[in-house]
Every structure is written in C-alpha cells, then in structure tokens.
PDB file of all heavy atoms in Angstrom:
ATOM      1  N   PRO A   1      93.005 100.209  52.820  1.00  0.00           N
ATOM      2  CA  PRO A   1      92.698 100.621  54.244  1.00  0.00           C
ATOM      3  C   PRO A   1      91.323 101.342  54.302  1.00  0.00           C
ATOM      4  O   PRO A   1      90.830 101.931  53.384  1.00  0.00           O
ATOM      5  CB  PRO A   1      93.843 101.577  54.547  1.00  0.00           C
ATOM      6  CG  PRO A   1      94.390 102.066  53.218  1.00  0.00           C
ATOM      7  CD  PRO A   1      94.144 100.942  52.236  1.00  0.00           C
ATOM      8  N   VAL A   2      90.827 101.298  55.598  1.00  0.00           N
ATOM      9  CA  VAL A   2      89.515 101.780  55.835  1.00  0.00           C
ATOM     10  C   VAL A   2      89.431 103.331  55.520  1.00  0.00           C
ATOM     11  O   VAL A   2      88.373 103.760  55.110  1.00  0.00           O
ATOM     12  CB  VAL A   2      89.141 101.565  57.272  1.00  0.00           C
ATOM     13  CG1 VAL A   2      90.028 102.243  58.303  1.00  0.00           C
ATOM     14  CG2 VAL A   2      87.695 101.916  57.588  1.00  0.00           C
ATOM     15  N   GLU A   3      90.484 104.071  55.698  1.00  0.00           N
ATOM     16  CA  GLU A   3      90.492 105.500  55.400  1.00  0.00           C
ATOM     17  C   GLU A   3      90.135 105.651  53.939  1.00  0.00           C
ATOM     18  O   GLU A   3      89.377 106.615  53.541  1.00  0.00           O
ATOM     19  CB  GLU A   3      91.812 106.087  55.720  1.00  0.00           C
ATOM     20  CG  GLU A   3      91.900 107.529  55.429  1.00  0.00           C
ATOM     21  CD  GLU A   3      93.324 108.136  55.683  1.00  0.00           C
ATOM     22  OE1 GLU A   3      94.178 107.415  56.200  1.00  0.00           O
ATOM     23  OE2 GLU A   3      93.511 109.327  55.388  1.00  0.00           O
ATOM     24  N   THR A   4      90.751 104.930  53.017  1.00  0.00           N
ATOM     25  CA  THR A   4      90.470 105.020  51.566  1.00  0.00           C
ATOM     26  C   THR A   4      89.041 104.609  51.261  1.00  0.00           C
ATOM     27  O   THR A   4      88.410 105.157  50.435  1.00  0.00           O
ATOM     28  CB  THR A   4      91.471 104.219  50.773  1.00  0.00           C
ATOM     29  OG1 THR A   4      92.804 104.691  51.093  1.00  0.00           O
ATOM     30  CG2 THR A   4      91.277 104.377  49.330  1.00  0.00           C
ATOM     31  N   LEU A   5      88.586 103.551  51.919  1.00  0.00           N
ATOM     32  CA  LEU A   5      87.200 103.136  51.731  1.00  0.00           C
ATOM     33  C   LEU A   5      86.196 104.225  52.089  1.00  0.00           C
ATOM     34  O   LEU A   5      85.242 104.474  51.386  1.00  0.00           O
ATOM     35  CB  LEU A   5      86.907 101.841  52.563  1.00  0.00           C
ATOM     36  CG  LEU A   5      87.743 100.648  52.263  1.00  0.00           C
ATOM     37  CD1 LEU A   5      87.452  99.483  53.225  1.00  0.00           C
ATOM     38  CD2 LEU A   5      87.554 100.228  50.844  1.00  0.00           C
ATOM     39  N   LYS A   6      86.396 104.843  53.287  1.00  0.00           N
ATOM     40  CA  LYS A   6      85.538 105.939  53.669  1.00  0.00           C
ATOM     41  C   LYS A   6      85.588 107.123  52.619  1.00  0.00           C
ATOM     42  O   LYS A   6      84.558 107.714  52.390  1.00  0.00           O
ATOM     43  CB  LYS A   6      85.918 106.441  55.083  1.00  0.00           C
ATOM     44  CG  LYS A   6      85.587 105.460  56.188  1.00  0.00           C
ATOM     45  CD  LYS A   6      85.947 106.088  57.559  1.00  0.00           C
ATOM     46  CE  LYS A   6      85.448 105.244  58.741  1.00  0.00           C
ATOM     47  NZ  LYS A   6      85.760 105.842  60.007  1.00  0.00           N
ATOM     48  N   PHE A   7      86.771 107.378  52.166  1.00  0.00           N
ATOM     49  CA  PHE A   7      86.935 108.492  51.182  1.00  0.00           C
ATOM     50  C   PHE A   7      86.138 108.125  49.905  1.00  0.00           C
ATOM     51  O   PHE A   7      85.430 108.985  49.350  1.00  0.00           O
ATOM     52  CB  PHE A   7      88.432 108.634  50.853  1.00  0.00           C
ATOM     53  CG  PHE A   7      88.685 109.380  49.619  1.00  0.00           C
ATOM     54  CD1 PHE A   7      88.546 110.752  49.582  1.00  0.00           C
ATOM     55  CD2 PHE A   7      89.086 108.704  48.459  1.00  0.00           C
ATOM     56  CE1 PHE A   7      88.838 111.487  48.380  1.00  0.00           C
ATOM     57  CE2 PHE A   7      89.392 109.409  47.234  1.00  0.00           C
ATOM     58  CZ  PHE A   7      89.196 110.810  47.242  1.00  0.00           C
ATOM     59  N   ALA A   8      86.302 106.882  49.450  1.00  0.00           N
ATOM     60  CA  ALA A   8      85.532 106.512  48.237  1.00  0.00           C
ATOM     61  C   ALA A   8      84.047 106.532  48.414  1.00  0.00           C
ATOM     62  O   ALA A   8      83.318 107.004  47.518  1.00  0.00           O
ATOM     63  CB  ALA A   8      85.959 105.056  47.866  1.00  0.00           C
ATOM     64  N   ILE A   9      83.509 106.094  49.588  1.00  0.00           N
ATOM     65  CA  ILE A   9      82.070 106.128  49.831  1.00  0.00           C
ATOM     66  C   ILE A   9      81.615 107.594  49.861  1.00  0.00           C
ATOM     67  O   ILE A   9      80.542 107.937  49.275  1.00  0.00           O
ATOM     68  CB  ILE A   9      81.759 105.414  51.137  1.00  0.00           C
ATOM     69  CG1 ILE A   9      81.999 103.936  50.984  1.00  0.00           C
ATOM     70  CG2 ILE A   9      80.369 105.731  51.574  1.00  0.00           C
ATOM     71  CD1 ILE A   9      81.902 103.170  52.301  1.00  0.00           C
ATOM     72  N   SER A  10      82.366 108.464  50.499  1.00  0.00           N
ATOM     73  CA  SER A  10      81.982 109.904  50.602  1.00  0.00           C
ATOM     74  C   SER A  10      81.952 110.525  49.205  1.00  0.00           C
ATOM     75  O   SER A  10      81.024 111.276  48.902  1.00  0.00           O
ATOM     76  CB  SER A  10      82.990 110.635  51.516  1.00  0.00           C
ATOM     77  OG  SER A  10      82.728 112.003  51.511  1.00  0.00           O
ATOM     78  N   GLN A  11      82.914 110.252  48.410  1.00  0.00           N
ATOM     79  CA  GLN A  11      83.018 110.781  47.030  1.00  0.00           C
ATOM     80  C   GLN A  11      81.840 110.269  46.188  1.00  0.00           C
ATOM     81  O   GLN A  11      81.220 111.091  45.485  1.00  0.00           O
ATOM     82  CB  GLN A  11      84.353 110.427  46.410  1.00  0.00           C
ATOM     83  CG  GLN A  11      85.585 111.141  46.952  1.00  0.00           C
ATOM     84  CD  GLN A  11      85.835 112.478  46.271  1.00  0.00           C
ATOM     85  OE1 GLN A  11      86.077 112.532  45.072  1.00  0.00           O
ATOM     86  NE2 GLN A  11      85.854 113.476  47.021  1.00  0.00           N
ATOM     87  N   PHE A  12      81.546 109.070  46.325  1.00  0.00           N
ATOM     88  CA  PHE A  12      80.440 108.370  45.574  1.00  0.00           C
ATOM     89  C   PHE A  12      79.094 109.081  46.004  1.00  0.00           C
ATOM     90  O   PHE A  12      78.309 109.423  45.142  1.00  0.00           O
ATOM     91  CB  PHE A  12      80.384 106.911  45.824  1.00  0.00           C
ATOM     92  CG  PHE A  12      79.020 106.307  45.435  1.00  0.00           C
ATOM     93  CD1 PHE A  12      78.659 106.204  44.131  1.00  0.00           C
ATOM     94  CD2 PHE A  12      78.176 105.812  46.456  1.00  0.00           C
ATOM     95  CE1 PHE A  12      77.399 105.702  43.760  1.00  0.00           C
ATOM     96  CE2 PHE A  12      76.992 105.214  46.107  1.00  0.00           C
ATOM     97  CZ  PHE A  12      76.584 105.149  44.769  1.00  0.00           C
ATOM     98  N   GLU A  13      78.897 109.246  47.315  1.00  0.00           N
ATOM     99  CA  GLU A  13      77.661 109.779  47.772  1.00  0.00           C
ATOM    100  C   GLU A  13      77.510 111.258  47.490  1.00  0.00           C
ATOM    101  O   GLU A  13      76.374 111.805  47.338  1.00  0.00           O
ATOM    102  CB  GLU A  13      77.481 109.589  49.316  1.00  0.00           C
ATOM    103  CG  GLU A  13      77.357 108.060  49.638  1.00  0.00           C
ATOM    104  CD  GLU A  13      77.217 107.800  51.141  1.00  0.00           C
ATOM    105  OE1 GLU A  13      77.579 108.753  51.926  1.00  0.00           O
ATOM    106  OE2 GLU A  13      76.838 106.715  51.510  1.00  0.00           O
ATOM    107  N   THR A  14      78.700 111.964  47.330  1.00  0.00           N
ATOM    108  CA  THR A  14      78.622 113.374  47.051  1.00  0.00           C
ATOM    109  C   THR A  14      78.641 113.720  45.574  1.00  0.00           C
ATOM    110  O   THR A  14      77.865 114.588  45.097  1.00  0.00           O
ATOM    111  CB  THR A  14      79.820 114.079  47.743  1.00  0.00           C
ATOM    112  OG1 THR A  14      79.809 113.784  49.131  1.00  0.00           O
ATOM    113  CG2 THR A  14      79.708 115.618  47.556  1.00  0.00           C
ATOM    114  N   TYR A  15      79.519 113.023  44.819  1.00  0.00           N
ATOM    115  CA  TYR A  15      79.726 113.380  43.467  1.00  0.00           C
ATOM    116  C   TYR A  15      79.358 112.278  42.444  1.00  0.00           C
ATOM    117  O   TYR A  15      79.446 112.478  41.235  1.00  0.00           O
ATOM    118  CB  TYR A  15      81.208 113.750  43.202  1.00  0.00           C
ATOM    119  CG  TYR A  15      81.685 114.841  44.103  1.00  0.00           C
ATOM    120  CD1 TYR A  15      82.570 114.518  45.198  1.00  0.00           C
ATOM    121  CD2 TYR A  15      81.250 116.155  43.971  1.00  0.00           C
ATOM    122  CE1 TYR A  15      83.029 115.517  46.025  1.00  0.00           C
ATOM    123  CE2 TYR A  15      81.755 117.176  44.859  1.00  0.00           C
ATOM    124  CZ  TYR A  15      82.589 116.835  45.835  1.00  0.00           C
ATOM    125  OH  TYR A  15      83.028 117.795  46.726  1.00  0.00           O
ATOM    126  N   GLY A  16      79.043 111.069  42.950  1.00  0.00           N
ATOM    127  CA  GLY A  16      78.789 109.979  42.063  1.00  0.00           C
ATOM    128  C   GLY A  16      80.033 109.170  41.703  1.00  0.00           C
ATOM    129  O   GLY A  16      79.947 108.190  40.989  1.00  0.00           O
ATOM    130  N   GLY A  17      81.142 109.598  42.146  1.00  0.00           N
ATOM    131  CA  GLY A  17      82.419 108.923  41.855  1.00  0.00           C
ATOM    132  C   GLY A  17      83.572 109.739  42.420  1.00  0.00           C
ATOM    133  O   GLY A  17      83.426 110.869  42.902  1.00  0.00           O
ATOM    134  N   ILE A  18      84.772 109.181  42.368  1.00  0.00           N
ATOM    135  CA  ILE A  18      85.927 109.892  42.855  1.00  0.00           C
ATOM    136  C   ILE A  18      86.350 110.952  41.808  1.00  0.00           C
ATOM    137  O   ILE A  18      86.650 110.640  40.669  1.00  0.00           O
ATOM    138  CB  ILE A  18      87.131 108.909  43.123  1.00  0.00           C
ATOM    139  CG1 ILE A  18      86.673 107.900  44.230  1.00  0.00           C
ATOM    140  CG2 ILE A  18      88.366 109.690  43.531  1.00  0.00           C
ATOM    141  CD1 ILE A  18      87.735 106.877  44.569  1.00  0.00           C
ATOM    142  N   ILE A  19      86.407 112.176  42.296  1.00  0.00           N
ATOM    143  CA  ILE A  19      86.809 113.286  41.399  1.00  0.00           C
ATOM    144  C   ILE A  19      88.306 113.620  41.723  1.00  0.00           C
ATOM    145  O   ILE A  19      88.678 113.921  42.818  1.00  0.00           O
ATOM    146  CB  ILE A  19      85.946 114.523  41.648  1.00  0.00           C
ATOM    147  CG1 ILE A  19      84.465 114.206  41.530  1.00  0.00           C
ATOM    148  CG2 ILE A  19      86.345 115.679  40.690  1.00  0.00           C
ATOM    149  CD1 ILE A  19      84.073 113.665  40.196  1.00  0.00           C
ATOM    150  N   ARG A  20      89.125 113.587  40.607  1.00  0.00           N
ATOM    151  CA  ARG A  20      90.544 113.850  40.808  1.00  0.00           C
ATOM    152  C   ARG A  20      90.915 115.042  39.825  1.00  0.00           C
ATOM    153  O   ARG A  20      90.327 115.199  38.757  1.00  0.00           O
ATOM    154  CB  ARG A  20      91.420 112.650  40.435  1.00  0.00           C
ATOM    155  CG  ARG A  20      91.151 111.426  41.317  1.00  0.00           C
ATOM    156  CD  ARG A  20      92.048 110.317  40.982  1.00  0.00           C
ATOM    157  NE  ARG A  20      91.826 109.179  41.827  1.00  0.00           N
ATOM    158  CZ  ARG A  20      91.020 108.175  41.559  1.00  0.00           C
ATOM    159  NH1 ARG A  20      90.295 108.200  40.438  1.00  0.00           N
ATOM    160  NH2 ARG A  20      90.852 107.142  42.373  1.00  0.00           N
ATOM    161  N   PRO A  21      91.909 115.796  40.210  1.00  0.00           N
ATOM    162  CA  PRO A  21      92.349 116.930  39.347  1.00  0.00           C
ATOM    163  C   PRO A  21      93.075 116.396  38.099  1.00  0.00           C
ATOM    164  O   PRO A  21      93.853 115.491  38.219  1.00  0.00           O
ATOM    165  CB  PRO A  21      93.251 117.762  40.246  1.00  0.00           C
ATOM    166  CG  PRO A  21      93.758 116.792  41.198  1.00  0.00           C
ATOM    167  CD  PRO A  21      92.670 115.811  41.492  1.00  0.00           C
ATOM    168  N   ALA A  22      92.845 116.997  36.942  1.00  0.00           N
ATOM    169  CA  ALA A  22      93.559 116.615  35.749  1.00  0.00           C
ATOM    170  C   ALA A  22      94.736 117.559  35.587  1.00  0.00           C
ATOM    171  O   ALA A  22      94.677 118.598  35.041  1.00  0.00           O
ATOM    172  CB  ALA A  22      92.616 116.778  34.527  1.00  0.00           C
ATOM    173  N   ILE A  23      95.865 117.210  36.192  1.00  0.00           N
ATOM    174  CA  ILE A  23      97.045 118.023  36.214  1.00  0.00           C
ATOM    175  C   ILE A  23      97.720 117.985  34.846  1.00  0.00           C
ATOM    176  O   ILE A  23      97.673 116.970  34.105  1.00  0.00           O
ATOM    177  CB  ILE A  23      98.073 117.606  37.337  1.00  0.00           C
ATOM    178  CG1 ILE A  23      98.584 116.125  37.103  1.00  0.00           C
ATOM    179  CG2 ILE A  23      97.414 117.723  38.669  1.00  0.00           C
ATOM    180  CD1 ILE A  23      99.648 115.732  38.036  1.00  0.00           C
ATOM    181  N   ASP A  24      98.337 119.091  34.453  1.00  0.00           N
ATOM    182  CA  ASP A  24      99.020 119.234  33.153  1.00  0.00           C
ATOM    183  C   ASP A  24     100.520 119.275  33.301  1.00  0.00           C
ATOM    184  O   ASP A  24     101.162 120.080  32.629  1.00  0.00           O
ATOM    185  CB  ASP A  24      98.455 120.435  32.400  1.00  0.00           C
ATOM    186  CG  ASP A  24      98.416 121.662  33.323  1.00  0.00           C
ATOM    187  OD1 ASP A  24      98.898 121.606  34.441  1.00  0.00           O
ATOM    188  OD2 ASP A  24      97.919 122.727  32.835  1.00  0.00           O
TER     189      ASP A  24
END
C-alpha cells in the first residue's frame, strides 16, 4: 500500500534505509 511506500521513501531519505528496533 501507498502508506508503506511513503514510509519507506521517508526512511530512506532520512536514514538511508528502514530503521527497526532490535527487540530482545
């Protein structure tokens, strides 16, 4: 969906990739 596409583009432009928490 477009919402996820916008999220991925924003993450790429801000951080260079999608940043996710490494939960333990």
